[in-house]
Amino acid sequence: MTRGSTPTSSNDSVDRGLLAGALVCVLAACGGRDPILDRADEIAVQQGVHDVADPPAPSTSGAPPVGQPEQPAPGVPDEPSPGGIEVMGPSVVLSGTVDVPGWKGGTIRIDIFDGDQQAAASTPDKRPRVVAMARLEKPGPFEMRVPTTAAKVWLGAYADENADGKPDPTDPEVWFGGNPIATDMDHRDVNLTLTTTATAKSTD
């Protein structure tokens, strides 16, 4: 090429390349980002792709962590509370004492039925319901409320000496001698004696 002539196109390309490289270096030194990388980030956000360093916040709805089942609520379904059955609505008071000669331990349970439980064996389709119940840790006085939904009720009690949760032939028990009991008034001084021969006394 002669002196004073115009530079060729190849030289122009080299100059533009050098200029672009210098611009990229300046941007990097000033903390700038490559526009191509910025565009890639925009596309990732639009497609729902999360940055590994910034995971989604955990849910705070109160649900248990994944892999850990919910703990069951305390209590046993369909089982009366340790103190007995809470009677709602109109009721009368039934109270007295429980005596267990030669008591060997075990919870004493007093049940109030809306029918004759002793006769239930002959009419299994009409088995009476327990409408009131009380538990005693040892022989002594008791008091319980009895609903007036039934005009009369039947009382039975037993001492669960073997702690199996049910009356057995060897458990002291009793059916109240004054059954059935009318629910039109309170009944006090109902004295029960639990024995294996099922005897009872009442001064009511």
Protein backbone atom coordinates (compact mmCIF):
# COMPACT_ATOMS: atom_id res chain seq x y z
CA MET A 1 0.00 0.00 0.00
CA THR A 2 1.31 3.46 -0.93
CA ARG A 3 1.63 6.34 1.47
CA GLY A 4 -1.56 8.34 1.88
CA SER A 5 -3.85 5.58 0.66
CA THR A 6 -7.12 4.59 2.48
CA PRO A 7 -6.88 1.60 5.02
CA THR A 8 -8.32 -1.66 3.83
CA SER A 9 -11.53 -3.25 5.23
CA SER A 10 -9.52 -5.93 7.03
CA ASN A 11 -7.76 -3.30 9.07
CA ASP A 12 -11.13 -1.76 9.94
CA SER A 13 -12.36 -5.13 11.25
CA VAL A 14 -9.29 -5.50 13.44
CA ASP A 15 -9.75 -2.02 14.85
CA ARG A 16 -13.44 -2.67 15.66
CA GLY A 17 -12.52 -5.96 17.38
CA LEU A 18 -9.91 -4.24 19.50
CA LEU A 19 -12.40 -1.51 20.43
CA ALA A 20 -15.08 -4.06 21.45
CA GLY A 21 -12.57 -5.98 23.56
CA ALA A 22 -11.48 -2.82 25.30
CA LEU A 23 -15.13 -1.94 26.00
CA VAL A 24 -15.77 -5.33 27.60
CA CYS A 25 -12.71 -4.94 29.79
CA VAL A 26 -13.88 -1.47 30.90
CA LEU A 27 -17.34 -2.83 31.77
CA ALA A 28 -15.83 -5.70 33.76
CA ALA A 29 -13.55 -3.37 35.65
CA CYS A 30 -16.50 -1.10 36.52
CA GLY A 31 -18.59 -3.93 37.83
CA GLY A 32 -20.88 -4.15 34.77
CA ARG A 33 -22.43 -7.40 33.42
CA ASP A 34 -22.45 -8.89 30.01
CA PRO A 35 -25.80 -8.07 28.28
CA ILE A 36 -25.95 -11.64 27.02
CA LEU A 37 -25.84 -12.95 30.62
CA ASP A 38 -28.52 -10.44 31.67
CA ARG A 39 -30.81 -11.68 28.89
CA ALA A 40 -30.21 -15.30 29.93
CA ASP A 41 -31.25 -14.44 33.50
CA GLU A 42 -34.48 -12.83 32.27
CA ILE A 43 -35.39 -15.95 30.29
CA ALA A 44 -34.66 -18.18 33.31
CA VAL A 45 -36.99 -16.09 35.51
CA GLN A 46 -39.76 -16.23 32.89
CA GLN A 47 -39.46 -20.03 32.74
CA GLY A 48 -39.65 -20.40 36.54
CA VAL A 49 -36.04 -21.46 37.01
CA HIS A 50 -34.72 -20.49 40.46
CA ASP A 51 -31.18 -19.69 41.36
CA VAL A 52 -29.65 -22.51 43.44
CA ALA A 53 -28.28 -19.95 45.87
CA ASP A 54 -31.76 -18.46 46.43
CA PRO A 55 -34.27 -21.37 47.03
CA PRO A 56 -37.99 -20.68 47.62
CA ALA A 57 -38.93 -19.76 51.18
CA PRO A 58 -40.42 -22.66 53.19
CA SER A 59 -44.15 -22.67 53.88
CA THR A 60 -45.28 -21.30 57.24
CA SER A 61 -48.82 -22.70 57.12
CA GLY A 62 -48.23 -24.84 60.24
CA ALA A 63 -48.11 -28.17 58.39
CA PRO A 64 -45.59 -30.74 59.70
CA PRO A 65 -42.24 -31.05 57.85
CA VAL A 66 -42.16 -33.40 54.89
CA GLY A 67 -41.61 -36.98 56.03
CA GLN A 68 -42.92 -36.39 59.58
CA PRO A 69 -46.58 -37.49 60.15
CA GLU A 70 -48.88 -35.42 62.34
CA GLN A 71 -48.95 -36.51 65.96
CA PRO A 72 -52.34 -37.84 67.11
CA ALA A 73 -54.20 -35.84 69.66
CA PRO A 74 -54.10 -37.10 73.15
CA GLY A 75 -57.05 -39.21 74.41
CA VAL A 76 -58.90 -42.40 73.52
CA PRO A 77 -61.98 -42.12 71.27
CA ASP A 78 -65.31 -43.18 72.81
CA GLU A 79 -63.72 -43.69 76.22
CA PRO A 80 -65.12 -41.73 79.21
CA SER A 81 -62.79 -39.31 80.96
CA PRO A 82 -60.93 -40.63 84.06
CA GLY A 83 -63.42 -38.91 86.37
CA GLY A 84 -66.54 -40.25 84.67
CA ILE A 85 -69.20 -39.10 82.20
CA GLU A 86 -70.13 -35.41 82.23
CA VAL A 87 -73.92 -35.12 82.41
CA MET A 88 -75.47 -32.25 80.43
CA GLY A 89 -78.98 -30.92 80.88
CA PRO A 90 -81.50 -31.56 83.69
CA SER A 91 -80.24 -34.03 86.30
CA VAL A 92 -80.57 -35.23 89.88
CA VAL A 93 -77.92 -36.09 92.45
CA LEU A 94 -77.10 -39.64 93.50
CA SER A 95 -74.68 -39.97 96.42
CA GLY A 96 -73.64 -42.36 99.17
CA THR A 97 -70.71 -44.60 100.09
CA VAL A 98 -68.96 -47.62 98.62
CA ASP A 99 -67.55 -50.35 100.86
CA VAL A 100 -65.36 -53.22 99.64
CA PRO A 101 -64.52 -55.64 102.48
CA GLY A 102 -60.97 -56.97 102.08
CA TRP A 103 -60.31 -54.52 99.25
CA LYS A 104 -57.23 -55.58 97.25
CA GLY A 105 -56.91 -52.46 95.15
CA GLY A 106 -58.23 -51.56 91.73
CA THR A 107 -60.44 -48.75 90.46
CA ILE A 108 -64.07 -48.83 91.56
CA ARG A 109 -66.52 -48.05 88.79
CA ILE A 110 -70.16 -47.06 89.32
CA ASP A 111 -72.42 -47.30 86.25
CA ILE A 112 -75.92 -45.89 85.79
CA PHE A 113 -78.00 -47.57 83.05
CA ASP A 114 -81.22 -46.48 81.40
CA GLY A 115 -82.48 -50.08 81.52
CA ASP A 116 -82.10 -53.36 83.39
CA GLN A 117 -78.60 -54.49 82.45
CA GLN A 118 -79.08 -57.80 84.29
CA ALA A 119 -81.92 -58.70 81.93
CA ALA A 120 -79.97 -57.66 78.82
CA ALA A 121 -78.76 -61.23 78.16
CA SER A 122 -82.29 -62.24 77.18
CA THR A 123 -82.80 -59.16 74.98
CA PRO A 124 -79.44 -58.39 73.33
CA ASP A 125 -81.09 -56.09 70.77
CA LYS A 126 -82.26 -53.81 73.59
CA ARG A 127 -79.07 -53.51 75.60
CA PRO A 128 -79.25 -50.53 78.01
CA ARG A 129 -76.94 -47.56 77.66
CA VAL A 130 -74.64 -46.14 80.31
CA VAL A 131 -76.00 -42.63 80.97
CA ALA A 132 -73.74 -41.74 83.91
CA MET A 133 -70.53 -43.15 85.34
CA ALA A 134 -68.10 -42.42 88.16
CA ARG A 135 -64.72 -43.84 89.14
CA LEU A 136 -63.25 -44.05 92.63
CA GLU A 137 -59.61 -44.74 93.39
CA LYS A 138 -60.58 -46.42 96.68
CA PRO A 139 -63.71 -47.24 98.73
CA GLY A 140 -65.43 -44.23 100.26
CA PRO A 141 -68.04 -41.57 99.54
CA PHE A 142 -69.27 -40.80 96.04
CA GLU A 143 -71.57 -38.30 94.39
CA MET A 144 -72.69 -38.16 90.78
CA ARG A 145 -75.29 -36.50 88.63
CA VAL A 146 -77.85 -38.60 86.79
CA PRO A 147 -79.77 -37.26 83.76
CA THR A 148 -83.55 -37.14 83.94
CA THR A 149 -83.95 -38.15 80.30
CA ALA A 150 -85.00 -41.59 81.58
CA ALA A 151 -87.79 -41.79 84.16
CA LYS A 152 -85.88 -44.46 86.06
CA VAL A 153 -82.34 -45.87 86.04
CA TRP A 154 -80.43 -48.93 87.30
CA LEU A 155 -77.19 -48.77 89.29
CA GLY A 156 -74.34 -51.30 89.29
CA ALA A 157 -70.76 -51.14 90.54
CA TYR A 158 -67.60 -53.26 90.59
CA ALA A 159 -63.98 -53.09 91.74
CA ASP A 160 -61.52 -53.84 88.92
CA GLU A 161 -58.99 -55.76 91.03
CA ASN A 162 -57.08 -57.23 88.06
CA ALA A 163 -57.12 -53.90 86.16
CA ASP A 164 -58.42 -55.36 82.90
CA GLY A 165 -61.08 -52.68 82.42
CA LYS A 166 -64.11 -54.96 82.76
CA PRO A 167 -66.00 -56.84 85.49
CA ASP A 168 -64.85 -60.43 85.99
CA PRO A 169 -66.38 -63.20 88.13
CA THR A 170 -63.63 -62.73 90.71
CA ASP A 171 -64.10 -58.93 90.95
CA PRO A 172 -66.20 -57.63 93.85
CA GLU A 173 -69.44 -56.18 92.44
CA VAL A 174 -72.99 -55.20 93.30
CA TRP A 175 -76.35 -54.39 91.75
CA PHE A 176 -78.13 -51.82 93.88
CA GLY A 177 -80.95 -53.42 95.84
CA GLY A 178 -83.18 -50.38 95.28
CA ASN A 179 -83.18 -50.64 91.46
CA PRO A 180 -84.80 -49.08 89.56
CA ILE A 181 -84.20 -45.55 90.85
CA ALA A 182 -86.66 -42.80 89.93
CA THR A 183 -85.08 -39.65 88.50
CA ASP A 184 -87.72 -37.21 89.77
CA MET A 185 -85.70 -36.34 92.90
CA ASP A 186 -82.22 -36.54 94.47
CA HIS A 187 -81.19 -39.80 96.19
CA ARG A 188 -78.62 -39.61 98.98
CA ASP A 189 -77.27 -42.15 101.47
CA VAL A 190 -77.10 -44.86 98.80
CA ASN A 191 -74.69 -47.30 100.45
CA LEU A 192 -73.13 -50.02 98.33
CA THR A 193 -71.20 -53.08 99.56
CA LEU A 194 -69.20 -54.80 96.85
CA THR A 195 -68.55 -58.51 97.26
CA THR A 196 -68.16 -61.51 95.02
CA THR A 197 -71.69 -62.53 96.05
CA ALA A 198 -73.08 -59.15 94.88
CA THR A 199 -74.95 -57.91 97.95
CA ALA A 200 -76.05 -54.35 98.52
CA LYS A 201 -77.55 -52.16 101.17
CA SER A 202 -79.38 -48.84 100.95
CA THR A 203 -80.76 -46.52 103.60
CA ASP A 204 -82.47 -44.33 101.02
